[in-house]
Amino acid sequence: MTITTLFHRRRSILALAAAMALAPAYAQSTVQLKHAGGTTAVPANPKKVIVLDITTLDNLAALDVNVAGAPTASASNKPLAGRLARFNAVPKMGTLFEPDFEKIHAAKPDLIIVGGRSQAKYADLAKIAPTIDLTVDRANLVDSARANVSLLANLFGKQARAQELQTRLDASIATLKTRAATAGTGLIVLTTGGKMSAYGPGSRFGVLHDSFGIKPAVAKLDTANHGQAISFEFIQKTNPDWLFVIDRDAAIGREGASAQKFLDNELVRQSTAWKKKQVVYLNALNWYTLGSASIGALQENIDQLSAALAAAQVAQAGR
């Protein structure tokens, strides 16, 4: 065997060894993610991520993860507010209902995330780049929201932060449920455009009853997305111990009478909730826009409810 032959054979062996060493790295360059739309191979720790879901944006803000593209908050290009304001400087990729496919394609993303209002565009966006759907399961909202946070934390290497957030969330839920056990009944009311709807267990806002432990003033209400249309007389007859109010007009930036003014009615004033000053005006961004589906929204909602119940119990003990 000549020296030249030995040299070429040695080089081939080294090349083969290098390829074998790199094989696991290439095999691990993508991860299989199970999500609401199925299972998708996604680049590990993706660098260029476009998010078309407000809830996911809020979760990423909590995990301190930046994105390469985000939706406008509405068709009127209203700036994102609160915790989401950090994403106002991010390139906009259309609305939740109408993504800008040309911009998204030109951005060459490693990953696209949809959910909720943008869920319907999943199939079209998946043709551009790996896409996952993080729509929450409303029937099991808290666990579904926790699972989404864990998925994002594992994908972006933020496990410690996620564990911190989830530990606090679990402790807060336990405290709220203890206080709710003796708080009496509650009714969720959404006001919008001079009208109102009520929501109960199993509805889009049913987490108040299903997971937080507030006893429903009415056991069965229409669970449709728009709730059950009600009147001031309905509140009077139902007579809940607590009224939990969501002002939709405030959430979408529409002008009109506030929920506080709208509910200041002779019939509503006869309810136990009004007489005891147990009317809680819920954070419209957290409940309506985010649907209580992000860990930040859940935590703030629980804190607000828990504080209201605790204050009432202290006041009652002092009488």
C-alpha atoms as a PDB file:
ATOM      1  CA  MET A   1       0.000   0.000   0.000  1.00  0.00           C
ATOM      2  CA  THR A   2       1.486   3.286  -1.056  1.00  0.00           C
ATOM      3  CA  ILE A   3       1.818   6.354   1.139  1.00  0.00           C
ATOM      4  CA  THR A   4      -0.671   8.160  -1.090  1.00  0.00           C
ATOM      5  CA  THR A   5      -3.236   5.380  -0.641  1.00  0.00           C
ATOM      6  CA  LEU A   6      -2.738   5.431   3.110  1.00  0.00           C
ATOM      7  CA  PHE A   7      -3.172   9.203   3.127  1.00  0.00           C
ATOM      8  CA  HIS A   8      -6.468   9.051   1.191  1.00  0.00           C
ATOM      9  CA  ARG A   9      -7.765   6.203   3.362  1.00  0.00           C
ATOM     10  CA  ARG A  10      -6.891   8.112   6.546  1.00  0.00           C
ATOM     11  CA  ARG A  11      -8.620  11.235   5.196  1.00  0.00           C
ATOM     12  CA  SER A  12     -11.730   9.198   4.358  1.00  0.00           C
ATOM     13  CA  ILE A  13     -11.793   7.697   7.864  1.00  0.00           C
ATOM     14  CA  LEU A  14     -11.460  11.152   9.427  1.00  0.00           C
ATOM     15  CA  ALA A  15     -14.232  12.533   7.214  1.00  0.00           C
ATOM     16  CA  LEU A  16     -16.485   9.612   8.148  1.00  0.00           C
ATOM     17  CA  ALA A  17     -15.745  10.120  11.848  1.00  0.00           C
ATOM     18  CA  ALA A  18     -16.523  13.825  11.559  1.00  0.00           C
ATOM     19  CA  ALA A  19     -19.775  13.088   9.784  1.00  0.00           C
ATOM     20  CA  MET A  20     -20.725  10.549  12.463  1.00  0.00           C
ATOM     21  CA  ALA A  21     -19.925  13.087  15.161  1.00  0.00           C
ATOM     22  CA  LEU A  22     -22.063  15.729  13.493  1.00  0.00           C
ATOM     23  CA  ALA A  23     -25.004  13.399  12.843  1.00  0.00           C
ATOM     24  CA  PRO A  24     -26.464  13.667  16.378  1.00  0.00           C
ATOM     25  CA  ALA A  25     -26.143  17.446  16.201  1.00  0.00           C
ATOM     26  CA  TYR A  26     -28.082  17.580  12.954  1.00  0.00           C
ATOM     27  CA  ALA A  27     -30.626  15.100  14.348  1.00  0.00           C
ATOM     28  CA  GLN A  28     -31.150  17.395  17.322  1.00  0.00           C
ATOM     29  CA  SER A  29     -31.409  20.576  15.252  1.00  0.00           C
ATOM     30  CA  THR A  30     -35.206  20.297  15.219  1.00  0.00           C
ATOM     31  CA  VAL A  31     -37.716  19.358  17.881  1.00  0.00           C
ATOM     32  CA  GLN A  32     -41.142  17.813  17.424  1.00  0.00           C
ATOM     33  CA  LEU A  33     -43.768  20.008  19.063  1.00  0.00           C
ATOM     34  CA  LYS A  34     -47.296  18.805  19.776  1.00  0.00           C
ATOM     35  CA  HIS A  35     -49.811  21.648  19.613  1.00  0.00           C
ATOM     36  CA  ALA A  36     -53.475  22.366  18.894  1.00  0.00           C
ATOM     37  CA  GLY A  37     -52.896  21.936  15.148  1.00  0.00           C
ATOM     38  CA  GLY A  38     -50.960  18.649  15.323  1.00  0.00           C
ATOM     39  CA  THR A  39     -47.228  17.945  15.545  1.00  0.00           C
ATOM     40  CA  THR A  40     -44.603  20.110  13.820  1.00  0.00           C
ATOM     41  CA  ALA A  41     -40.831  19.871  13.434  1.00  0.00           C
ATOM     42  CA  VAL A  42     -39.475  23.191  14.692  1.00  0.00           C
ATOM     43  CA  PRO A  43     -35.871  24.454  14.765  1.00  0.00           C
ATOM     44  CA  ALA A  44     -34.436  24.136  18.259  1.00  0.00           C
ATOM     45  CA  ASN A  45     -34.208  27.569  19.897  1.00  0.00           C
ATOM     46  CA  PRO A  46     -35.500  29.429  16.796  1.00  0.00           C
ATOM     47  CA  LYS A  47     -34.014  32.880  16.248  1.00  0.00           C
ATOM     48  CA  LYS A  48     -36.553  34.533  13.940  1.00  0.00           C
ATOM     49  CA  VAL A  49     -40.064  34.048  15.311  1.00  0.00           C
ATOM     50  CA  ILE A  50     -43.249  35.692  14.054  1.00  0.00           C
ATOM     51  CA  VAL A  51     -46.142  35.641  16.496  1.00  0.00           C
ATOM     52  CA  LEU A  52     -49.750  36.177  15.411  1.00  0.00           C
ATOM     53  CA  ASP A  53     -51.339  35.547  18.789  1.00  0.00           C
ATOM     54  CA  ILE A  54     -51.690  38.170  21.534  1.00  0.00           C
ATOM     55  CA  THR A  55     -51.743  35.532  24.273  1.00  0.00           C
ATOM     56  CA  THR A  56     -48.453  34.053  23.096  1.00  0.00           C
ATOM     57  CA  LEU A  57     -46.933  37.544  22.957  1.00  0.00           C
ATOM     58  CA  ASP A  58     -47.900  37.998  26.596  1.00  0.00           C
ATOM     59  CA  ASN A  59     -46.370  34.657  27.537  1.00  0.00           C
ATOM     60  CA  LEU A  60     -43.155  35.522  25.705  1.00  0.00           C
ATOM     61  CA  ALA A  61     -43.052  38.890  27.487  1.00  0.00           C
ATOM     62  CA  ALA A  62     -43.274  37.023  30.803  1.00  0.00           C
ATOM     63  CA  LEU A  63     -40.422  34.746  29.695  1.00  0.00           C
ATOM     64  CA  ASP A  64     -38.418  37.718  28.350  1.00  0.00           C
ATOM     65  CA  VAL A  65     -38.245  36.391  24.777  1.00  0.00           C
ATOM     66  CA  ASN A  66     -38.138  38.790  21.812  1.00  0.00           C
ATOM     67  CA  VAL A  67     -39.856  38.232  18.471  1.00  0.00           C
ATOM     68  CA  ALA A  68     -39.181  39.260  14.871  1.00  0.00           C
ATOM     69  CA  GLY A  69     -42.784  40.054  13.972  1.00  0.00           C
ATOM     70  CA  ALA A  70     -46.090  40.699  15.715  1.00  0.00           C
ATOM     71  CA  PRO A  71     -49.671  41.586  14.781  1.00  0.00           C
ATOM     72  CA  THR A  72     -51.303  44.956  15.114  1.00  0.00           C
ATOM     73  CA  ALA A  73     -53.739  45.025  18.026  1.00  0.00           C
ATOM     74  CA  SER A  74     -56.608  45.876  15.689  1.00  0.00           C
ATOM     75  CA  ALA A  75     -57.413  46.821  12.110  1.00  0.00           C
ATOM     76  CA  SER A  76     -57.021  50.481  13.145  1.00  0.00           C
ATOM     77  CA  ASN A  77     -53.341  49.856  14.051  1.00  0.00           C
ATOM     78  CA  LYS A  78     -53.961  50.778  17.680  1.00  0.00           C
ATOM     79  CA  PRO A  79     -50.711  50.347  19.680  1.00  0.00           C
ATOM     80  CA  LEU A  80     -50.353  47.359  21.967  1.00  0.00           C
ATOM     81  CA  ALA A  81     -50.812  48.312  25.606  1.00  0.00           C
ATOM     82  CA  GLY A  82     -49.565  47.329  29.053  1.00  0.00           C
ATOM     83  CA  ARG A  83     -47.160  44.410  29.199  1.00  0.00           C
ATOM     84  CA  LEU A  84     -47.401  44.101  25.408  1.00  0.00           C
ATOM     85  CA  ALA A  85     -46.126  47.621  24.699  1.00  0.00           C
ATOM     86  CA  ARG A  86     -42.599  46.235  24.329  1.00  0.00           C
ATOM     87  CA  PHE A  87     -43.697  44.715  21.005  1.00  0.00           C
ATOM     88  CA  ASN A  88     -44.859  47.993  19.440  1.00  0.00           C
ATOM     89  CA  ALA A  89     -41.429  48.529  17.885  1.00  0.00           C
ATOM     90  CA  VAL A  90     -41.471  45.065  16.295  1.00  0.00           C
ATOM     91  CA  PRO A  91     -42.305  44.856  12.548  1.00  0.00           C
ATOM     92  CA  LYS A  92     -46.037  44.353  12.060  1.00  0.00           C
ATOM     93  CA  MET A  93     -47.226  41.336  10.094  1.00  0.00           C
ATOM     94  CA  GLY A  94     -50.887  42.201   9.598  1.00  0.00           C
ATOM     95  CA  THR A  95     -53.810  41.660  11.939  1.00  0.00           C
ATOM     96  CA  LEU A  96     -54.862  38.564  13.835  1.00  0.00           C
ATOM     97  CA  PHE A  97     -57.610  37.872  11.300  1.00  0.00           C
ATOM     98  CA  GLU A  98     -55.701  39.028   8.206  1.00  0.00           C
ATOM     99  CA  PRO A  99     -51.965  38.281   8.360  1.00  0.00           C
ATOM    100  CA  ASP A 100     -49.753  39.972   5.754  1.00  0.00           C
ATOM    101  CA  PHE A 101     -48.534  36.866   3.944  1.00  0.00           C
ATOM    102  CA  GLU A 102     -46.104  38.772   1.715  1.00  0.00           C
ATOM    103  CA  LYS A 103     -44.340  40.399   4.676  1.00  0.00           C
ATOM    104  CA  ILE A 104     -44.230  37.123   6.571  1.00  0.00           C
ATOM    105  CA  HIS A 105     -42.773  35.271   3.579  1.00  0.00           C
ATOM    106  CA  ALA A 106     -40.177  38.005   2.998  1.00  0.00           C
ATOM    107  CA  ALA A 107     -39.105  37.847   6.668  1.00  0.00           C
ATOM    108  CA  LYS A 108     -38.043  34.179   6.236  1.00  0.00           C
ATOM    109  CA  PRO A 109     -39.041  33.159   9.776  1.00  0.00           C
ATOM    110  CA  ASP A 110     -37.763  30.057  11.544  1.00  0.00           C
ATOM    111  CA  LEU A 111     -41.115  29.704  13.276  1.00  0.00           C
ATOM    112  CA  ILE A 112     -44.638  31.162  13.103  1.00  0.00           C
ATOM    113  CA  ILE A 113     -46.999  30.966  16.078  1.00  0.00           C
ATOM    114  CA  VAL A 114     -50.775  31.342  15.778  1.00  0.00           C
ATOM    115  CA  GLY A 115     -53.586  30.890  18.260  1.00  0.00           C
ATOM    116  CA  GLY A 116     -57.080  32.028  19.146  1.00  0.00           C
ATOM    117  CA  ARG A 117     -58.247  34.636  16.658  1.00  0.00           C
ATOM    118  CA  SER A 118     -55.520  33.723  14.137  1.00  0.00           C
ATOM    119  CA  GLN A 119     -56.068  29.966  14.374  1.00  0.00           C
ATOM    120  CA  ALA A 120     -58.021  29.896  11.103  1.00  0.00           C
ATOM    121  CA  LYS A 121     -54.871  30.962   9.188  1.00  0.00           C
ATOM    122  CA  TYR A 122     -52.757  28.057  10.446  1.00  0.00           C
ATOM    123  CA  ALA A 123     -52.808  25.973   7.253  1.00  0.00           C
ATOM    124  CA  ASP A 124     -51.886  28.891   4.990  1.00  0.00           C
ATOM    125  CA  LEU A 125     -49.056  30.074   7.245  1.00  0.00           C
ATOM    126  CA  ALA A 126     -47.684  26.543   7.596  1.00  0.00           C
ATOM    127  CA  LYS A 127     -46.875  26.677   3.875  1.00  0.00           C
ATOM    128  CA  ILE A 128     -44.418  29.513   4.549  1.00  0.00           C
ATOM    129  CA  ALA A 129     -42.518  28.168   7.568  1.00  0.00           C
ATOM    130  CA  PRO A 130     -42.905  25.739  10.495  1.00  0.00           C
ATOM    131  CA  THR A 131     -46.066  26.877  12.293  1.00  0.00           C
ATOM    132  CA  ILE A 132     -47.574  25.907  15.631  1.00  0.00           C
ATOM    133  CA  ASP A 133     -51.039  26.633  17.015  1.00  0.00           C
ATOM    134  CA  LEU A 134     -51.135  27.571  20.709  1.00  0.00           C
ATOM    135  CA  THR A 135     -54.895  28.041  20.997  1.00  0.00           C
ATOM    136  CA  VAL A 136     -55.893  27.163  24.556  1.00  0.00           C
ATOM    137  CA  ASP A 137     -58.444  24.532  25.465  1.00  0.00           C
ATOM    138  CA  ARG A 138     -61.272  26.572  27.053  1.00  0.00           C
ATOM    139  CA  ALA A 139     -62.623  23.485  28.788  1.00  0.00           C
ATOM    140  CA  ASN A 140     -59.339  23.135  30.666  1.00  0.00           C
ATOM    141  CA  LEU A 141     -57.996  26.674  30.501  1.00  0.00           C
ATOM    142  CA  VAL A 142     -55.509  26.795  33.386  1.00  0.00           C
ATOM    143  CA  ASP A 143     -53.760  23.522  32.530  1.00  0.00           C
ATOM    144  CA  SER A 144     -53.776  24.409  28.833  1.00  0.00           C
ATOM    145  CA  ALA A 145     -52.247  27.817  29.554  1.00  0.00           C
ATOM    146  CA  ARG A 146     -49.611  26.201  31.767  1.00  0.00           C
ATOM    147  CA  ALA A 147     -48.778  23.695  29.009  1.00  0.00           C
ATOM    148  CA  ASN A 148     -48.252  26.512  26.482  1.00  0.00           C
ATOM    149  CA  VAL A 149     -45.895  28.336  28.842  1.00  0.00           C
ATOM    150  CA  SER A 150     -43.929  25.126  29.398  1.00  0.00           C
ATOM    151  CA  LEU A 151     -43.699  24.509  25.646  1.00  0.00           C
ATOM    152  CA  LEU A 152     -42.350  28.018  25.029  1.00  0.00           C
ATOM    153  CA  ALA A 153     -39.979  27.820  27.987  1.00  0.00           C
ATOM    154  CA  ASN A 154     -38.501  24.539  26.747  1.00  0.00           C
ATOM    155  CA  LEU A 155     -38.175  25.878  23.218  1.00  0.00           C
ATOM    156  CA  PHE A 156     -36.359  29.069  24.263  1.00  0.00           C
ATOM    157  CA  GLY A 157     -34.429  27.768  27.270  1.00  0.00           C
ATOM    158  CA  LYS A 158     -36.498  29.649  29.873  1.00  0.00           C
ATOM    159  CA  GLN A 159     -37.449  26.701  32.097  1.00  0.00           C
ATOM    160  CA  ALA A 160     -36.368  28.315  35.373  1.00  0.00           C
ATOM    161  CA  ARG A 161     -38.456  31.429  34.732  1.00  0.00           C
ATOM    162  CA  ALA A 162     -41.476  29.344  33.749  1.00  0.00           C
ATOM    163  CA  GLN A 163     -41.196  27.272  36.914  1.00  0.00           C
ATOM    164  CA  GLU A 164     -41.091  30.436  39.005  1.00  0.00           C
ATOM    165  CA  LEU A 165     -44.204  31.811  37.313  1.00  0.00           C
ATOM    166  CA  GLN A 166     -46.139  28.564  37.571  1.00  0.00           C
ATOM    167  CA  THR A 167     -45.272  27.993  41.231  1.00  0.00           C
ATOM    168  CA  ARG A 168     -46.607  31.449  42.081  1.00  0.00           C
ATOM    169  CA  LEU A 169     -49.723  30.862  39.963  1.00  0.00           C
ATOM    170  CA  ASP A 170     -50.560  27.582  41.711  1.00  0.00           C
ATOM    171  CA  ALA A 171     -50.171  29.118  45.162  1.00  0.00           C
ATOM    172  CA  SER A 172     -52.384  32.069  44.189  1.00  0.00           C
ATOM    173  CA  ILE A 173     -55.124  29.803  42.834  1.00  0.00           C
ATOM    174  CA  ALA A 174     -55.130  27.798  46.062  1.00  0.00           C
ATOM    175  CA  THR A 175     -55.503  30.990  48.118  1.00  0.00           C
ATOM    176  CA  LEU A 176     -58.299  32.298  45.872  1.00  0.00           C
ATOM    177  CA  LYS A 177     -60.251  29.032  46.054  1.00  0.00           C
ATOM    178  CA  THR A 178     -60.073  29.116  49.849  1.00  0.00           C
ATOM    179  CA  ARG A 179     -61.497  32.645  49.907  1.00  0.00           C
ATOM    180  CA  ALA A 180     -64.107  31.838  47.262  1.00  0.00           C
ATOM    181  CA  ALA A 181     -65.482  28.957  49.330  1.00  0.00           C
ATOM    182  CA  THR A 182     -67.197  31.395  51.720  1.00  0.00           C
ATOM    183  CA  ALA A 183     -67.735  34.348  49.381  1.00  0.00           C
ATOM    184  CA  GLY A 184     -71.233  33.503  48.179  1.00  0.00           C
ATOM    185  CA  THR A 185     -72.462  33.533  44.578  1.00  0.00           C
ATOM    186  CA  GLY A 186     -71.128  35.450  41.612  1.00  0.00           C
ATOM    187  CA  LEU A 187     -72.354  36.497  38.164  1.00  0.00           C
ATOM    188  CA  ILE A 188     -70.084  37.407  35.233  1.00  0.00           C
ATOM    189  CA  VAL A 189     -71.483  40.218  33.106  1.00  0.00           C
ATOM    190  CA  LEU A 190     -70.033  41.650  29.883  1.00  0.00           C
ATOM    191  CA  THR A 191     -71.252  45.089  28.811  1.00  0.00           C
ATOM    192  CA  THR A 192     -70.935  46.448  25.281  1.00  0.00           C
ATOM    193  CA  GLY A 193     -72.761  49.051  23.203  1.00  0.00           C
ATOM    194  CA  GLY A 194     -75.519  49.590  25.753  1.00  0.00           C
ATOM    195  CA  LYS A 195     -76.245  45.870  26.077  1.00  0.00           C
ATOM    196  CA  MET A 196     -75.011  43.108  28.337  1.00  0.00           C
ATOM    197  CA  SER A 197     -74.556  39.349  28.464  1.00  0.00           C
ATOM    198  CA  ALA A 198     -74.030  36.910  31.315  1.00  0.00           C
ATOM    199  CA  TYR A 199     -71.576  34.020  31.386  1.00  0.00           C
ATOM    200  CA  GLY A 200     -71.490  30.970  33.630  1.00  0.00           C
ATOM    201  CA  PRO A 201     -69.595  27.697  34.079  1.00  0.00           C
ATOM    202  CA  GLY A 202     -68.185  26.242  30.871  1.00  0.00           C
ATOM    203  CA  SER A 203     -68.233  29.578  29.051  1.00  0.00           C
ATOM    204  CA  ARG A 204     -65.364  31.629  27.631  1.00  0.00           C
ATOM    205  CA  PHE A 205     -65.045  33.374  31.017  1.00  0.00           C
ATOM    206  CA  GLY A 206     -66.098  30.326  33.026  1.00  0.00           C
ATOM    207  CA  VAL A 207     -62.663  29.885  34.580  1.00  0.00           C
ATOM    208  CA  LEU A 208     -63.994  32.159  37.339  1.00  0.00           C
ATOM    209  CA  HIS A 209     -66.264  29.298  38.400  1.00  0.00           C
ATOM    210  CA  ASP A 210     -64.536  26.247  36.923  1.00  0.00           C
ATOM    211  CA  SER A 211     -61.035  26.838  38.306  1.00  0.00           C
ATOM    212  CA  PHE A 212     -61.232  29.730  40.771  1.00  0.00           C
ATOM    213  CA  GLY A 213     -64.100  28.376  42.842  1.00  0.00           C
ATOM    214  CA  ILE A 214     -66.668  31.199  42.699  1.00  0.00           C
ATOM    215  CA  LYS A 215     -70.154  29.700  43.090  1.00  0.00           C
ATOM    216  CA  PRO A 216     -72.330  30.606  40.077  1.00  0.00           C
ATOM    217  CA  ALA A 217     -75.435  32.677  40.786  1.00  0.00           C
ATOM    218  CA  VAL A 218     -77.076  30.846  37.868  1.00  0.00           C
ATOM    219  CA  ALA A 219     -76.104  27.227  37.304  1.00  0.00           C
ATOM    220  CA  LYS A 220     -76.935  27.102  33.601  1.00  0.00           C
ATOM    221  CA  LEU A 221     -76.378  29.915  31.126  1.00  0.00           C
ATOM    222  CA  ASP A 222     -75.844  29.852  27.385  1.00  0.00           C
ATOM    223  CA  THR A 223     -72.194  28.911  26.787  1.00  0.00           C
ATOM    224  CA  ALA A 224     -72.066  30.456  23.308  1.00  0.00           C
ATOM    225  CA  ASN A 225     -69.201  32.837  22.643  1.00  0.00           C
ATOM    226  CA  HIS A 226     -71.448  35.881  23.075  1.00  0.00           C
ATOM    227  CA  GLY A 227     -72.984  34.597  26.304  1.00  0.00           C
ATOM    228  CA  GLN A 228     -76.628  34.933  27.266  1.00  0.00           C
ATOM    229  CA  ALA A 229     -78.289  38.304  26.715  1.00  0.00           C
ATOM    230  CA  ILE A 230     -79.705  39.647  29.980  1.00  0.00           C
ATOM    231  CA  SER A 231     -81.522  42.680  31.369  1.00  0.00           C
ATOM    232  CA  PHE A 232     -81.239  44.757  34.527  1.00  0.00           C
ATOM    233  CA  GLU A 233     -84.232  42.812  35.831  1.00  0.00           C
ATOM    234  CA  PHE A 234     -82.290  39.572  35.395  1.00  0.00           C
ATOM    235  CA  ILE A 235     -79.610  40.849  37.777  1.00  0.00           C
ATOM    236  CA  GLN A 236     -82.256  41.967  40.272  1.00  0.00           C
ATOM    237  CA  LYS A 237     -84.001  38.569  40.263  1.00  0.00           C
ATOM    238  CA  THR A 238     -80.786  36.545  40.220  1.00  0.00           C
ATOM    239  CA  ASN A 239     -79.493  38.684  43.089  1.00  0.00           C
ATOM    240  CA  PRO A 240     -75.820  37.592  43.090  1.00  0.00           C
ATOM    241  CA  ASP A 241     -73.587  38.294  46.074  1.00  0.00           C
ATOM    242  CA  TRP A 242     -70.922  39.448  43.618  1.00  0.00           C
ATOM    243  CA  LEU A 243     -70.992  41.016  40.164  1.00  0.00           C
ATOM    244  CA  PHE A 244     -67.878  40.525  38.044  1.00  0.00           C
ATOM    245  CA  VAL A 245     -67.998  42.961  35.133  1.00  0.00           C
ATOM    246  CA  ILE A 246     -66.068  43.026  31.857  1.00  0.00           C
ATOM    247  CA  ASP A 247     -66.295  46.249  29.852  1.00  0.00           C
ATOM    248  CA  ARG A 248     -65.858  45.143  26.227  1.00  0.00           C
ATOM    249  CA  ASP A 249     -65.985  48.706  24.917  1.00  0.00           C
ATOM    250  CA  ALA A 250     -62.974  49.561  27.085  1.00  0.00           C
ATOM    251  CA  ALA A 251     -61.151  46.492  25.767  1.00  0.00           C
ATOM    252  CA  ILE A 252     -61.601  47.409  22.100  1.00  0.00           C
ATOM    253  CA  GLY A 253     -61.268  51.176  22.577  1.00  0.00           C
ATOM    254  CA  ARG A 254     -64.837  51.976  21.555  1.00  0.00           C
ATOM    255  CA  GLU A 255     -66.363  55.152  22.930  1.00  0.00           C
ATOM    256  CA  GLY A 256     -69.525  54.972  24.971  1.00  0.00           C
ATOM    257  CA  ALA A 257     -70.868  54.808  28.497  1.00  0.00           C
ATOM    258  CA  SER A 258     -68.570  52.957  30.870  1.00  0.00           C
ATOM    259  CA  ALA A 259     -69.733  49.742  32.502  1.00  0.00           C
ATOM    260  CA  GLN A 260     -69.910  51.572  35.831  1.00  0.00           C
ATOM    261  CA  LYS A 261     -72.380  54.140  34.482  1.00  0.00           C
ATOM    262  CA  PHE A 262     -74.333  51.565  32.516  1.00  0.00           C
ATOM    263  CA  LEU A 263     -74.938  49.360  35.560  1.00  0.00           C
ATOM    264  CA  ASP A 264     -75.890  52.242  37.836  1.00  0.00           C
ATOM    265  CA  ASN A 265     -79.549  51.362  37.450  1.00  0.00           C
ATOM    266  CA  GLU A 266     -82.445  51.249  39.912  1.00  0.00           C
ATOM    267  CA  LEU A 267     -82.908  47.488  39.458  1.00  0.00           C
ATOM    268  CA  VAL A 268     -79.226  46.636  39.754  1.00  0.00           C
ATOM    269  CA  ARG A 269     -78.988  48.768  42.901  1.00  0.00           C
ATOM    270  CA  GLN A 270     -81.402  46.359  44.571  1.00  0.00           C
ATOM    271  CA  SER A 271     -78.981  43.445  44.248  1.00  0.00           C
ATOM    272  CA  THR A 272     -76.878  42.202  47.157  1.00  0.00           C
ATOM    273  CA  ALA A 273     -73.717  42.761  45.114  1.00  0.00           C
ATOM    274  CA  TRP A 274     -74.496  46.455  44.642  1.00  0.00           C
ATOM    275  CA  LYS A 275     -75.683  47.025  48.203  1.00  0.00           C
ATOM    276  CA  LYS A 276     -72.536  45.429  49.657  1.00  0.00           C
ATOM    277  CA  LYS A 277     -70.304  47.194  47.124  1.00  0.00           C
ATOM    278  CA  GLN A 278     -69.236  43.823  45.789  1.00  0.00           C
ATOM    279  CA  VAL A 279     -69.102  44.810  42.129  1.00  0.00           C
ATOM    280  CA  VAL A 280     -65.674  44.062  40.640  1.00  0.00           C
ATOM    281  CA  TYR A 281     -64.750  45.675  37.310  1.00  0.00           C
ATOM    282  CA  LEU A 282     -62.376  43.156  35.809  1.00  0.00           C
ATOM    283  CA  ASN A 283     -59.314  44.057  33.755  1.00  0.00           C
ATOM    284  CA  ALA A 284     -60.702  44.180  30.214  1.00  0.00           C
ATOM    285  CA  LEU A 285     -57.318  43.524  28.566  1.00  0.00           C
ATOM    286  CA  ASN A 286     -56.734  40.397  30.630  1.00  0.00           C
ATOM    287  CA  TRP A 287     -60.241  38.971  30.391  1.00  0.00           C
ATOM    288  CA  TYR A 288     -61.450  39.978  26.936  1.00  0.00           C
ATOM    289  CA  THR A 289     -58.367  40.577  24.772  1.00  0.00           C
ATOM    290  CA  LEU A 290     -56.190  37.882  26.349  1.00  0.00           C
ATOM    291  CA  GLY A 291     -59.050  35.662  27.482  1.00  0.00           C
ATOM    292  CA  SER A 292     -57.234  34.850  30.745  1.00  0.00           C
ATOM    293  CA  ALA A 293     -55.151  32.484  28.607  1.00  0.00           C
ATOM    294  CA  SER A 294     -51.642  33.844  29.287  1.00  0.00           C
ATOM    295  CA  ILE A 295     -49.826  33.307  32.538  1.00  0.00           C
ATOM    296  CA  GLY A 296     -49.556  37.066  33.109  1.00  0.00           C
ATOM    297  CA  ALA A 297     -53.294  37.593  32.599  1.00  0.00           C
ATOM    298  CA  LEU A 298     -54.148  34.653  34.824  1.00  0.00           C
ATOM    299  CA  GLN A 299     -51.909  35.899  37.620  1.00  0.00           C
ATOM    300  CA  GLU A 300     -53.258  39.452  37.534  1.00  0.00           C
ATOM    301  CA  ASN A 301     -56.858  38.220  37.384  1.00  0.00           C
ATOM    302  CA  ILE A 302     -56.361  35.927  40.349  1.00  0.00           C
ATOM    303  CA  ASP A 303     -54.638  38.667  42.339  1.00  0.00           C
ATOM    304  CA  GLN A 304     -57.485  41.119  41.658  1.00  0.00           C
ATOM    305  CA  LEU A 305     -60.192  38.617  42.600  1.00  0.00           C
ATOM    306  CA  SER A 306     -58.369  37.407  45.678  1.00  0.00           C
ATOM    307  CA  ALA A 307     -57.815  40.957  46.934  1.00  0.00           C
ATOM    308  CA  ALA A 308     -61.499  41.833  46.435  1.00  0.00           C
ATOM    309  CA  LEU A 309     -62.724  38.757  48.308  1.00  0.00           C
ATOM    310  CA  ALA A 310     -60.208  39.273  51.111  1.00  0.00           C
ATOM    311  CA  ALA A 311     -61.236  42.909  51.571  1.00  0.00           C
ATOM    312  CA  ALA A 312     -64.913  41.924  51.764  1.00  0.00           C
ATOM    313  CA  GLN A 313     -64.190  39.242  54.332  1.00  0.00           C
ATOM    314  CA  VAL A 314     -62.211  41.665  56.485  1.00  0.00           C
ATOM    315  CA  ALA A 315     -65.037  44.199  56.272  1.00  0.00           C
ATOM    316  CA  GLN A 316     -67.609  41.584  57.213  1.00  0.00           C
ATOM    317  CA  ALA A 317     -65.524  40.418  60.179  1.00  0.00           C
ATOM    318  CA  GLY A 318     -65.370  44.014  61.417  1.00  0.00           C
ATOM    319  CA  ARG A 319     -69.126  44.471  61.486  1.00  0.00           C
END
